[in-house]
Amino acid sequence: MKKALLILIVISFTLKIKAQTVSYQNSTILENADTMPEYKGGMDDFYYKLSQIHYTFLDRMYGCQGRVTLMMVVEKDGTLSNLKVVNGLSEKQDEEILRVVRRLRKWKPGTANGQPMRVLCSVLIDFKLIKS
């Protein structure tokens, strides 16, 4: 019995070293996985699609620019959940970012110990005005 408990403690300690976890709504989300999630079209395609996000008229007119952080969870089946814009430019721009990201195809899920896992990801998006 003591040996089984010791093995269980060692296994749980080993898992924590490989991946940090976040508890969210009674489920585990990894911040770092053995294999991180990847967009099925490739990350270059993902960043290209993000670069096509419409810069809203009012944000351009008022000179709003800066770096926006998009937080999301890539689920075990490759879908996205818990999408949230952190430090957004405006409510309308945040809505546009979320609209575009929701329409993208599925991801290849991240893995830990060879099993698909929920992984928390953050993406930085820069909005910069070009002087004409």
Protein backbone atom coordinates (compact mmCIF):
# COMPACT_ATOMS: atom_id res chain seq x y z
CA MET A 1 0.00 0.00 0.00
CA LYS A 2 2.79 2.43 0.92
CA LYS A 3 4.66 1.52 -2.26
CA ALA A 4 1.57 2.21 -4.41
CA LEU A 5 1.08 5.59 -2.72
CA LEU A 6 4.74 6.47 -3.26
CA ILE A 7 4.49 5.54 -6.97
CA LEU A 8 1.35 7.66 -7.33
CA ILE A 9 3.09 10.66 -5.73
CA VAL A 10 6.14 10.25 -7.99
CA ILE A 11 3.93 9.99 -11.09
CA SER A 12 1.93 13.12 -10.18
CA PHE A 13 5.14 15.03 -9.45
CA THR A 14 6.57 13.96 -12.83
CA LEU A 15 3.45 15.16 -14.66
CA LYS A 16 3.66 18.57 -13.00
CA ILE A 17 7.25 18.98 -14.15
CA LYS A 18 6.30 18.28 -17.79
CA ALA A 19 3.31 20.60 -17.93
CA GLN A 20 1.94 23.35 -15.78
CA THR A 21 -1.79 23.07 -15.30
CA VAL A 22 -4.63 25.46 -14.73
CA SER A 23 -7.88 24.35 -13.18
CA TYR A 24 -10.86 25.86 -14.99
CA GLN A 25 -14.46 24.86 -14.38
CA ASN A 26 -13.45 21.52 -12.82
CA SER A 27 -11.23 20.48 -15.73
CA THR A 28 -7.51 20.63 -16.41
CA ILE A 29 -6.01 22.93 -19.00
CA LEU A 30 -2.30 22.76 -19.76
CA GLU A 31 -0.22 25.88 -20.32
CA ASN A 32 2.74 23.91 -21.64
CA ALA A 33 2.29 20.55 -23.32
CA ASP A 34 4.75 18.03 -24.72
CA THR A 35 3.46 18.96 -28.18
CA MET A 36 1.77 22.34 -28.47
CA PRO A 37 -1.37 22.74 -30.60
CA GLU A 38 -0.90 23.73 -34.22
CA TYR A 39 -3.29 25.19 -36.76
CA LYS A 40 -4.18 22.51 -39.35
CA GLY A 41 -3.27 24.80 -42.26
CA GLY A 42 0.08 25.53 -40.62
CA MET A 43 1.03 28.39 -38.35
CA ASP A 44 2.05 30.59 -41.29
CA ASP A 45 -1.51 30.26 -42.63
CA PHE A 46 -2.92 31.04 -39.18
CA TYR A 47 -0.85 34.22 -38.87
CA TYR A 48 -1.76 35.21 -42.43
CA LYS A 49 -5.46 34.90 -41.56
CA LEU A 50 -4.93 36.99 -38.43
CA SER A 51 -3.21 39.65 -40.52
CA GLN A 52 -6.41 39.89 -42.59
CA ILE A 53 -8.53 40.97 -39.58
CA HIS A 54 -10.40 44.12 -40.51
CA TYR A 55 -9.14 47.21 -38.67
CA THR A 56 -12.38 48.92 -37.66
CA PHE A 57 -13.08 52.38 -39.03
CA LEU A 58 -13.45 54.12 -35.66
CA ASP A 59 -10.21 52.64 -34.33
CA ARG A 60 -8.37 53.88 -37.42
CA MET A 61 -10.08 57.28 -37.24
CA TYR A 62 -9.17 57.80 -33.57
CA GLY A 63 -5.65 56.48 -34.06
CA CYS A 64 -6.08 53.46 -31.80
CA GLN A 65 -3.19 51.07 -32.18
CA GLY A 66 -1.32 48.59 -30.06
CA ARG A 67 -0.85 44.95 -29.17
CA VAL A 68 -3.87 42.81 -28.39
CA THR A 69 -3.66 39.45 -26.64
CA LEU A 70 -6.05 36.70 -27.67
CA MET A 71 -6.47 33.91 -25.10
CA MET A 72 -8.00 30.59 -26.18
CA VAL A 73 -8.18 26.96 -25.21
CA VAL A 74 -7.50 24.37 -27.91
CA GLU A 75 -9.70 21.42 -26.97
CA LYS A 76 -8.85 17.73 -27.31
CA ASP A 77 -10.79 17.57 -30.61
CA GLY A 78 -9.05 20.66 -32.06
CA THR A 79 -11.90 23.12 -31.58
CA LEU A 80 -11.39 26.44 -29.83
CA SER A 81 -13.15 27.46 -26.64
CA ASN A 82 -12.93 30.16 -23.98
CA LEU A 83 -11.93 32.79 -26.53
CA LYS A 84 -11.13 36.08 -24.85
CA VAL A 85 -9.43 39.27 -25.97
CA VAL A 86 -7.18 40.79 -23.32
CA ASN A 87 -6.08 44.44 -23.55
CA GLY A 88 -8.14 45.05 -26.67
CA LEU A 89 -8.31 48.29 -28.61
CA SER A 90 -12.10 48.67 -28.51
CA GLU A 91 -15.20 46.56 -28.09
CA LYS A 92 -15.87 46.56 -31.86
CA GLN A 93 -12.31 45.53 -32.68
CA ASP A 94 -12.46 42.75 -30.09
CA GLU A 95 -15.70 41.49 -31.66
CA GLU A 96 -14.05 41.45 -35.09
CA ILE A 97 -11.05 39.49 -33.80
CA LEU A 98 -13.31 36.90 -32.15
CA ARG A 99 -15.52 36.65 -35.26
CA VAL A 100 -12.55 35.89 -37.50
CA VAL A 101 -10.93 33.39 -35.11
CA ARG A 102 -14.22 31.50 -34.57
CA ARG A 103 -14.51 30.94 -38.33
CA LEU A 104 -11.06 29.32 -38.67
CA ARG A 105 -10.66 25.59 -39.15
CA LYS A 106 -9.80 23.18 -36.36
CA TRP A 107 -6.38 22.79 -34.80
CA LYS A 108 -4.22 19.75 -34.18
CA PRO A 109 -4.58 19.36 -30.40
CA GLY A 110 -1.66 19.54 -28.01
CA THR A 111 -0.52 16.38 -26.31
CA ALA A 112 0.91 15.36 -22.97
CA ASN A 113 2.24 11.85 -22.48
CA GLY A 114 0.95 10.97 -25.95
CA GLN A 115 -2.65 11.89 -25.13
CA PRO A 116 -4.57 14.86 -26.58
CA MET A 117 -5.08 17.53 -23.92
CA ARG A 118 -6.78 20.90 -23.52
CA VAL A 119 -4.12 23.58 -23.91
CA LEU A 120 -4.31 27.28 -23.07
CA CYS A 121 -2.75 29.43 -25.80
CA SER A 122 -2.19 33.15 -26.18
CA VAL A 123 -1.63 34.96 -29.44
CA LEU A 124 -0.34 38.51 -29.80
CA ILE A 125 -1.84 40.64 -32.57
CA ASP A 126 -0.36 44.04 -33.43
CA PHE A 127 -2.56 46.80 -34.83
CA LYS A 128 -0.43 49.60 -36.27
CA LEU A 129 -1.49 52.53 -38.40
CA ILE A 130 0.55 53.22 -41.52
CA LYS A 131 1.26 56.88 -42.13
CA SER A 132 0.21 57.99 -45.57
